[in-house]
Structure formats: structure tokens, C-alpha cells
């Protein structure tokens, strides 16, 4: 049974690559027919709101210090900032959600911070003997137009956003991309592991973090 499952997975991955589609689409099809065991992470939950309470003024100060030299008003303005930004793509460390209100760019050090968080999250799961998952990035750089439009749809969004500086990104704590077959974890347990990673990075002085409630994400600004 195990050998058959592995063979089906291998064929599926090759097929997806041949069609230029996301290879982990195979995961979801196989997961439907493979018996699943839920794994728990027994660590206690922290008070996320008090632990991660870096508010707008603090994050904005860091964003202005290390962000882009001029804020992009529209998508076209990003061409003028090409030497200051790097494109963010799906990788081993993280997956990008479908984004309508931001652009897939960050300042180089912010992208490195994001990659470090994603890699540390996966390494932590492995070290604890937990199923493999990848973090889901829900927002990256926003133009000032996007930031303004978002205030009409999101009650916690602000027009003067740290996201406009290319230093800030959001990571979901309610959704994660599963990479294991046959073992799953609840999002709340995965949030515990992610919280530990973020706390280490925050204590090291690398990032500021705000725990958002209305939009289930950690709002993070790179300090480097």
C-alpha cells in the first residue's frame, strides 16, 4: 500500500510539472484517499496579543528607516524601484496566497527575514517530529493606491501603511500548506510553532510583529 502511494505521488508530481502546475496539487488528491492521523503539539498557547504587540507607530518607524526611497503610487511605479526591491516567489520556505491587494515584492533584507522565518518553521516542525507544513504569505508590498482601496474593505487597514515601504509582510496563522501525506495538525498547534519562531526572531531584534485578529495573520516588519 505504501509503495503504491509513493508511486502514485511520483507520477503525479511529474505530471504536474509537465503541465506547469503546482506539484503539491497532487497532495490534496492523494490526501483524500490516504487515512490521516492528527498530530498534536502539546506546548501551551501564549497570549499572542500581548506577546506580539508592535503597533503601527513602531513598525512604521522601522519601515521608514529601511524601506524604499519613494512610495509607489501604482504598479507602474515599481519599475522605478527595480534596484531596491526583489521579487518574492514560492519556494521551499513559504507559499504565496493569491493576492489582489499587494504586489509580490519586498526589500532584499525583508525577503531574507521572510525566508528565514519559513525555513525555521519547517526546521522546527522536523526537529519536533511533527508533520511538514509551509507558511502561507497573505500580503507583501502595497502601492499607496492599493493601501487606500483596502481601507474600504478592511476595517484594520490604514492608508499610511508599512506595506508601502517593501519592509512588511503578513503570514497567516489560520492556514498552512501541508506537505505530508497521512499526518495532519490543527492550525492552532501550527500557530504555536510559528509563534515560537517569530518570538525568537523578534527577541533577536530582526523583526517587529503584531498579532492581528480581524484578519488572522501576523503582521511583520523587518528591522534590517
Protein backbone atom coordinates (compact mmCIF):
# COMPACT_ATOMS: atom_id res chain seq x y z
CA UNK A 1 0.00 0.00 0.00
CA UNK A 2 2.81 2.40 0.95
CA UNK A 3 4.77 1.56 -2.21
CA UNK A 4 1.68 2.12 -4.34
CA UNK A 5 1.02 5.51 -2.72
CA UNK A 6 4.60 6.63 -3.28
CA UNK A 7 4.44 5.55 -6.91
CA UNK A 8 1.19 7.45 -7.47
CA UNK A 9 2.68 10.54 -5.84
CA UNK A 10 5.81 10.39 -8.01
CA UNK A 11 3.81 10.05 -11.21
CA UNK A 12 1.51 12.87 -10.13
CA UNK A 13 4.37 15.26 -9.41
CA UNK A 14 5.93 14.58 -12.81
CA UNK A 15 2.55 15.10 -14.47
CA UNK A 16 2.04 18.42 -12.69
CA UNK A 17 5.46 19.67 -13.69
CA UNK A 18 4.76 18.66 -17.26
CA UNK A 19 1.61 20.79 -17.19
CA UNK A 20 3.45 23.64 -15.43
CA UNK A 21 1.10 23.44 -12.46
CA UNK A 22 1.75 23.44 -8.74
CA UNK A 23 3.15 19.99 -7.82
CA UNK A 24 1.51 19.98 -4.42
CA UNK A 25 -1.88 19.83 -6.10
CA UNK A 26 -1.14 16.09 -6.05
CA UNK A 27 -1.04 16.18 -2.26
CA UNK A 28 -4.64 17.20 -1.94
CA UNK A 29 -5.89 14.45 -4.26
CA UNK A 30 -3.94 11.70 -2.51
CA UNK A 31 -4.81 13.03 0.97
CA UNK A 32 -8.46 12.35 0.23
CA UNK A 33 -7.87 8.60 -0.06
CA UNK A 34 -5.00 8.04 2.41
CA UNK A 35 -6.05 7.57 6.06
CA UNK A 36 -4.99 10.60 8.10
CA UNK A 37 -3.75 10.80 11.68
CA UNK A 38 -3.96 14.10 13.54
CA UNK A 39 -0.80 15.01 15.47
CA UNK A 40 -0.93 17.39 18.43
CA UNK A 41 1.75 19.77 19.67
CA UNK A 42 1.35 19.88 23.47
CA UNK A 43 3.05 23.25 24.07
CA UNK A 44 0.89 25.84 25.81
CA UNK A 45 -0.55 28.67 23.77
CA UNK A 46 0.78 32.11 24.66
CA UNK A 47 -1.19 35.33 24.87
CA UNK A 48 -0.45 36.33 21.29
CA UNK A 49 -1.96 39.82 21.58
CA UNK A 50 0.32 40.81 24.44
CA UNK A 51 3.38 38.90 23.17
CA UNK A 52 3.19 40.35 19.66
CA UNK A 53 2.05 43.93 20.22
CA UNK A 54 4.30 46.03 17.98
CA UNK A 55 1.80 48.65 16.86
CA UNK A 56 1.70 50.87 13.77
CA UNK A 57 3.94 53.66 15.10
CA UNK A 58 6.76 51.29 16.00
CA UNK A 59 6.58 49.33 12.76
CA UNK A 60 6.27 52.50 10.69
CA UNK A 61 9.44 53.94 12.22
CA UNK A 62 11.35 50.82 11.16
CA UNK A 63 9.71 50.79 7.71
CA UNK A 64 10.73 54.38 7.02
CA UNK A 65 14.28 53.71 8.20
CA UNK A 66 14.97 50.75 5.90
CA UNK A 67 12.21 50.97 3.27
CA UNK A 68 12.17 52.17 -0.34
CA UNK A 69 13.27 55.72 -1.08
CA UNK A 70 9.90 56.71 -2.55
CA UNK A 71 6.47 55.13 -2.15
CA UNK A 72 4.98 53.55 -5.29
CA UNK A 73 1.58 55.00 -6.11
CA UNK A 74 0.68 52.43 -8.78
CA UNK A 75 2.01 49.16 -10.16
CA UNK A 76 3.84 51.09 -12.90
CA UNK A 77 5.87 52.95 -10.29
CA UNK A 78 7.54 49.70 -9.27
CA UNK A 79 9.75 49.92 -12.36
CA UNK A 80 11.45 52.95 -10.82
CA UNK A 81 12.24 50.92 -7.71
CA UNK A 82 13.61 47.86 -9.51
CA UNK A 83 17.07 48.30 -7.95
CA UNK A 84 15.57 48.49 -4.43
CA UNK A 85 13.21 45.50 -4.50
CA UNK A 86 13.34 41.76 -5.11
CA UNK A 87 10.50 39.67 -6.48
CA UNK A 88 9.07 37.21 -3.97
CA UNK A 89 8.24 33.75 -5.36
CA UNK A 90 7.06 30.43 -3.98
CA UNK A 91 9.97 28.49 -2.53
CA UNK A 92 10.84 25.80 -0.01
CA UNK A 93 10.30 28.24 2.86
CA UNK A 94 6.88 29.68 2.02
CA UNK A 95 3.93 29.77 -0.37
CA UNK A 96 2.23 32.94 -1.60
CA UNK A 97 -1.53 33.18 -1.32
CA UNK A 98 -3.47 34.68 -4.21
CA UNK A 99 -3.07 38.41 -3.65
CA UNK A 100 -5.32 41.12 -5.02
CA UNK A 101 -4.25 43.95 -2.75
CA UNK A 102 -0.47 43.73 -2.83
CA UNK A 103 2.48 43.14 -5.16
CA UNK A 104 4.98 40.25 -4.90
CA UNK A 105 7.97 42.41 -3.92
CA UNK A 106 9.98 43.19 -0.80
CA UNK A 107 13.18 44.91 0.17
CA UNK A 108 16.07 42.37 0.00
CA UNK A 109 16.52 42.13 3.78
CA UNK A 110 12.78 41.79 4.33
CA UNK A 111 12.70 38.90 1.85
CA UNK A 112 15.60 37.29 3.72
CA UNK A 113 13.69 37.69 7.00
CA UNK A 114 10.63 36.05 5.45
CA UNK A 115 12.72 33.18 4.09
CA UNK A 116 14.42 32.71 7.46
CA UNK A 117 11.05 32.54 9.23
CA UNK A 118 9.71 29.99 6.76
CA UNK A 119 12.85 27.85 6.88
CA UNK A 120 12.99 27.98 10.68
CA UNK A 121 9.32 26.99 10.86
CA UNK A 122 9.87 23.91 8.71
CA UNK A 123 13.08 23.00 10.57
CA UNK A 124 11.28 23.35 13.91
CA UNK A 125 8.48 21.02 12.80
CA UNK A 126 11.05 18.46 11.67
CA UNK A 127 13.05 18.71 14.91
CA UNK A 128 9.88 18.14 16.94
CA UNK A 129 8.89 15.12 14.85
CA UNK A 130 5.79 16.90 13.55
CA UNK A 131 4.24 16.77 10.07
CA UNK A 132 5.72 19.03 7.43
CA UNK A 133 3.96 22.28 6.54
CA UNK A 134 4.83 25.53 4.84
CA UNK A 135 3.76 29.02 5.91
CA UNK A 136 1.29 30.98 3.77
CA UNK A 137 2.15 34.62 2.96
CA UNK A 138 -1.02 36.67 2.51
CA UNK A 139 0.31 40.19 1.85
CA UNK A 140 3.52 41.85 0.67
CA UNK A 141 4.27 45.30 -0.78
CA UNK A 142 1.28 47.57 -1.43
CA UNK A 143 1.14 50.61 -3.63
CA UNK A 144 -0.41 53.66 -1.98
CA UNK A 145 -3.43 53.15 -4.27
CA UNK A 146 -3.85 49.59 -3.06
CA UNK A 147 -3.45 50.66 0.56
CA UNK A 148 -6.11 53.34 0.13
CA UNK A 149 -8.52 50.96 -1.59
CA UNK A 150 -8.01 48.34 1.11
CA UNK A 151 -9.25 50.70 3.84
CA UNK A 152 -12.68 50.49 2.20
CA UNK A 153 -12.75 46.71 2.58
CA UNK A 154 -10.69 46.05 5.71
CA UNK A 155 -11.53 47.82 8.95
CA UNK A 156 -7.98 47.50 10.34
CA UNK A 157 -6.17 48.58 7.16
CA UNK A 158 -4.63 52.06 7.05
CA UNK A 159 -3.82 54.23 4.03
CA UNK A 160 -0.43 55.15 5.53
CA UNK A 161 0.71 51.52 5.57
CA UNK A 162 4.08 49.96 6.39
CA UNK A 163 3.41 47.62 3.47
CA UNK A 164 4.08 50.54 1.08
CA UNK A 165 7.76 50.57 2.08
CA UNK A 166 8.51 47.00 1.00
CA UNK A 167 9.56 46.04 4.51
CA UNK A 168 6.37 44.40 5.70
CA UNK A 169 4.56 41.13 5.10
CA UNK A 170 1.67 39.16 6.59
CA UNK A 171 1.77 35.46 7.45
CA UNK A 172 -1.46 33.56 8.04
CA UNK A 173 -1.86 31.73 11.34
CA UNK A 174 -5.11 30.01 10.32
CA UNK A 175 -3.90 28.43 7.07
CA UNK A 176 -0.74 26.47 6.32
CA UNK A 177 0.26 24.40 3.29
CA UNK A 178 0.50 20.67 4.17
CA UNK A 179 3.47 18.80 2.74
CA UNK A 180 3.00 15.43 4.46
CA UNK A 181 0.66 12.62 3.50
CA UNK A 182 -1.19 10.76 6.22
CA UNK A 183 -0.43 13.12 9.12
CA UNK A 184 -2.09 16.46 9.86
CA UNK A 185 -2.04 19.16 12.53
CA UNK A 186 -4.63 21.66 13.67
CA UNK A 187 -3.91 25.26 12.69
CA UNK A 188 -3.83 26.26 16.36
CA UNK A 189 -0.96 23.84 17.01
CA UNK A 190 0.88 25.06 13.93
CA UNK A 191 0.36 28.60 15.17
CA UNK A 192 2.20 27.65 18.37
CA UNK A 193 5.25 26.56 16.40
CA UNK A 194 5.15 29.65 14.19
CA UNK A 195 4.76 31.83 17.28
CA UNK A 196 7.92 30.34 18.78
CA UNK A 197 9.85 31.09 15.59
CA UNK A 198 8.58 34.67 15.43
CA UNK A 199 9.37 35.27 19.09
CA UNK A 200 12.97 34.12 18.57
CA UNK A 201 13.35 36.49 15.60
CA UNK A 202 11.70 39.35 17.46
CA UNK A 203 13.90 38.83 20.52
CA UNK A 204 16.95 38.84 18.22
CA UNK A 205 15.94 42.33 17.06
CA UNK A 206 15.26 41.26 13.47
CA UNK A 207 11.52 41.96 13.20
CA UNK A 208 8.51 43.65 14.74
CA UNK A 209 5.31 41.60 14.99
CA UNK A 210 1.64 42.47 15.50
CA UNK A 211 -0.94 39.74 16.10
CA UNK A 212 -3.97 40.65 14.01
CA UNK A 213 -7.41 39.34 14.95
CA UNK A 214 -9.79 40.63 12.28
CA UNK A 215 -7.51 39.26 9.58
CA UNK A 216 -5.96 36.05 11.01
CA UNK A 217 -2.32 36.85 10.40
CA UNK A 218 0.92 38.01 11.96
CA UNK A 219 1.76 41.49 10.61
CA UNK A 220 5.56 41.63 10.42
CA UNK A 221 8.05 44.39 9.60
CA UNK A 222 11.74 43.74 9.02
CA UNK A 223 14.03 45.96 11.09
CA UNK A 224 17.11 45.41 8.91
